[in-house]
C-alpha atoms as a PDB file:
ATOM      1  CA  SER A   1      78.475  69.668  73.891  1.00  0.00           C
ATOM      2  CA  PHE A   2      80.128  72.974  75.527  1.00  0.00           C
ATOM      3  CA  ALA A   3      77.786  75.203  77.510  1.00  0.00           C
ATOM      4  CA  GLY A   4      79.561  78.314  77.491  1.00  0.00           C
ATOM      5  CA  GLY A   5      82.633  79.895  76.115  1.00  0.00           C
ATOM      6  CA  ALA A   6      86.131  79.148  75.545  1.00  0.00           C
ATOM      7  CA  ALA A   7      86.746  78.534  79.241  1.00  0.00           C
ATOM      8  CA  ASP A   8      84.304  75.296  79.166  1.00  0.00           C
ATOM      9  CA  LEU A   9      85.916  74.096  76.090  1.00  0.00           C
ATOM     10  CA  ALA A  10      89.044  74.292  78.005  1.00  0.00           C
ATOM     11  CA  GLY A  11      87.938  72.142  80.575  1.00  0.00           C
ATOM     12  CA  LEU A  12      87.966  74.657  83.573  1.00  0.00           C
ATOM     13  CA  PRO A  13      84.624  73.184  85.187  1.00  0.00           C
ATOM     14  CA  GLN A  14      85.885  70.056  85.519  1.00  0.00           C
ATOM     15  CA  ALA A  15      89.673  71.397  86.605  1.00  0.00           C
ATOM     16  CA  ALA A  16      87.442  73.257  89.293  1.00  0.00           C
ATOM     17  CA  ARG A  17      84.811  70.418  90.626  1.00  0.00           C
ATOM     18  CA  ALA A  18      88.076  67.677  90.744  1.00  0.00           C
ATOM     19  CA  ALA A  19      90.256  70.425  92.829  1.00  0.00           C
ATOM     20  CA  ALA A  20      86.698  70.779  94.999  1.00  0.00           C
ATOM     21  CA  GLU A  21      86.904  67.106  95.274  1.00  0.00           C
ATOM     22  CA  ALA A  22      90.685  66.444  95.816  1.00  0.00           C
ATOM     23  CA  TYR A  23      90.534  69.255  98.360  1.00  0.00           C
ATOM     24  CA  ALA A  24      87.727  67.749 100.590  1.00  0.00           C
ATOM     25  CA  GLN A  25      89.166  64.013 100.732  1.00  0.00           C
ATOM     26  CA  ALA A  26      92.650  65.324 101.732  1.00  0.00           C
ATOM     27  CA  GLY A  27      91.232  67.839 103.943  1.00  0.00           C
ATOM     28  CA  VAL A  28      93.127  70.398 103.353  1.00  0.00           C
ATOM     29  CA  ARG A  29      92.193  74.026 101.639  1.00  0.00           C
ATOM     30  CA  PRO A  30      93.458  75.598  98.804  1.00  0.00           C
ATOM     31  CA  GLU A  31      95.553  78.083 100.806  1.00  0.00           C
ATOM     32  CA  GLU A  32      97.598  75.153 102.242  1.00  0.00           C
ATOM     33  CA  ILE A  33      99.006  74.013  98.960  1.00  0.00           C
ATOM     34  CA  GLY A  34     102.224  74.430  98.442  1.00  0.00           C
ATOM     35  CA  VAL A  35     103.129  73.118  95.055  1.00  0.00           C
ATOM     36  CA  VAL A  36     101.459  72.551  91.894  1.00  0.00           C
ATOM     37  CA  GLU A  37     101.901  70.724  88.943  1.00  0.00           C
ATOM     38  CA  LEU A  38      99.488  72.053  86.372  1.00  0.00           C
ATOM     39  CA  HIS A  39      98.450  71.558  82.890  1.00  0.00           C
ATOM     40  CA  ASP A  40     100.181  74.650  81.188  1.00  0.00           C
ATOM     41  CA  CYS A  41      99.456  73.612  77.263  1.00  0.00           C
ATOM     42  CA  PHE A  42      98.761  77.065  76.441  1.00  0.00           C
ATOM     43  CA  SER A  43     100.174  79.957  78.740  1.00  0.00           C
ATOM     44  CA  PRO A  44      96.848  81.541  79.253  1.00  0.00           C
ATOM     45  CA  ASN A  45      95.269  77.841  80.387  1.00  0.00           C
ATOM     46  CA  GLU A  46      98.048  78.484  83.396  1.00  0.00           C
ATOM     47  CA  LEU A  47      96.468  81.572  84.429  1.00  0.00           C
ATOM     48  CA  LEU A  48      92.909  80.192  84.051  1.00  0.00           C
ATOM     49  CA  LEU A  49      93.642  77.034  86.040  1.00  0.00           C
ATOM     50  CA  TYR A  50      94.852  79.392  88.781  1.00  0.00           C
ATOM     51  CA  GLU A  51      90.877  79.859  89.801  1.00  0.00           C
ATOM     52  CA  ALA A  52      89.733  77.099  88.830  1.00  0.00           C
ATOM     53  CA  LEU A  53      92.105  75.338  91.208  1.00  0.00           C
ATOM     54  CA  GLN A  54      90.984  78.110  93.957  1.00  0.00           C
ATOM     55  CA  LEU A  55      94.352  79.352  93.661  1.00  0.00           C
ATOM     56  CA  CYS A  56      93.404  82.803  93.457  1.00  0.00           C
ATOM     57  CA  GLY A  57      90.041  84.553  93.413  1.00  0.00           C
ATOM     58  CA  PRO A  58      87.834  84.781  89.904  1.00  0.00           C
ATOM     59  CA  GLY A  59      89.618  87.450  88.003  1.00  0.00           C
ATOM     60  CA  ARG A  60      92.640  87.486  90.161  1.00  0.00           C
ATOM     61  CA  ALA A  61      95.193  85.432  88.723  1.00  0.00           C
ATOM     62  CA  ALA A  62      97.062  88.102  86.671  1.00  0.00           C
ATOM     63  CA  GLU A  63      97.451  89.503  90.142  1.00  0.00           C
ATOM     64  CA  PHE A  64      98.630  85.701  91.899  1.00  0.00           C
ATOM     65  CA  TRP A  65     101.134  85.402  88.795  1.00  0.00           C
ATOM     66  CA  ARG A  66     102.407  89.428  89.024  1.00  0.00           C
ATOM     67  CA  GLN A  67     102.851  88.191  93.005  1.00  0.00           C
ATOM     68  CA  ARG A  68     105.899  86.416  92.982  1.00  0.00           C
ATOM     69  CA  GLU A  69     109.678  85.513  94.742  1.00  0.00           C
ATOM     70  CA  THR A  70     112.671  83.331  93.440  1.00  0.00           C
ATOM     71  CA  VAL A  71     113.602  80.837  96.486  1.00  0.00           C
ATOM     72  CA  ALA A  72     116.299  78.306  96.642  1.00  0.00           C
ATOM     73  CA  ASN A  73     115.283  75.269  97.909  1.00  0.00           C
ATOM     74  CA  ALA A  74     118.153  72.807 100.853  1.00  0.00           C
ATOM     75  CA  GLY A  75     119.517  71.317  97.825  1.00  0.00           C
ATOM     76  CA  GLY A  76     119.846  75.188  96.075  1.00  0.00           C
ATOM     77  CA  ALA A  77     117.665  74.789  93.446  1.00  0.00           C
ATOM     78  CA  GLN A  78     115.518  77.703  92.890  1.00  0.00           C
ATOM     79  CA  HIS A  79     111.491  77.813  92.366  1.00  0.00           C
ATOM     80  CA  VAL A  80     109.394  80.419  91.581  1.00  0.00           C
ATOM     81  CA  ARG A  81     106.651  80.916  94.752  1.00  0.00           C
ATOM     82  CA  GLN A  82     103.618  83.073  93.713  1.00  0.00           C
ATOM     83  CA  GLY A  83     100.364  84.763  95.153  1.00  0.00           C
ATOM     84  CA  PRO A  84     100.000  85.138  98.474  1.00  0.00           C
ATOM     85  CA  HIS A  85     100.490  81.869 100.077  1.00  0.00           C
ATOM     86  CA  GLY A  86     103.939  81.241  98.468  1.00  0.00           C
ATOM     87  CA  VAL A  87     102.617  78.319  95.901  1.00  0.00           C
ATOM     88  CA  VAL A  88     105.213  76.960  93.937  1.00  0.00           C
ATOM     89  CA  VAL A  89     103.702  76.106  90.134  1.00  0.00           C
ATOM     90  CA  ASN A  90     104.832  73.840  87.764  1.00  0.00           C
ATOM     91  CA  PRO A  91     108.821  72.777  89.356  1.00  0.00           C
ATOM     92  CA  SER A  92     108.862  70.645  86.827  1.00  0.00           C
ATOM     93  CA  GLY A  93     109.206  73.326  84.117  1.00  0.00           C
ATOM     94  CA  GLY A  94     105.497  72.703  82.670  1.00  0.00           C
ATOM     95  CA  LEU A  95     104.476  71.219  79.223  1.00  0.00           C
ATOM     96  CA  GLU A  96     106.089  74.255  77.823  1.00  0.00           C
ATOM     97  CA  SER A  97     109.841  73.830  78.619  1.00  0.00           C
ATOM     98  CA  LYS A  98     109.094  69.615  77.385  1.00  0.00           C
ATOM     99  CA  GLY A  99     107.836  71.148  74.194  1.00  0.00           C
ATOM    100  CA  HIS A 100     104.380  70.414  74.540  1.00  0.00           C
ATOM    101  CA  PRO A 101     104.694  67.011  73.567  1.00  0.00           C
ATOM    102  CA  ILE A 102     101.382  65.901  74.323  1.00  0.00           C
ATOM    103  CA  GLY A 103      99.887  68.407  71.784  1.00  0.00           C
END
């Protein structure tokens, strides 16, 4: 059973625990992450995962999303950097760009 509301149902507590463990094992802090591929099975889930992955503080996902700039890599491919540390989120385009083949 799920203890709380929709966030628990979407697996956010598990994502937060997994992220904390991964950061500890890798010896990095969330602000050192440059690229993130996350499960964007529905639009709000991407915003919720920003917080669960500690890319931004609680309640700051919309602000994180609004802080964006488009940059080109050495090969000329353009990516959007988000948040104060310039994280590239889902450079593959995410599930939504693929027609969400899993769901």
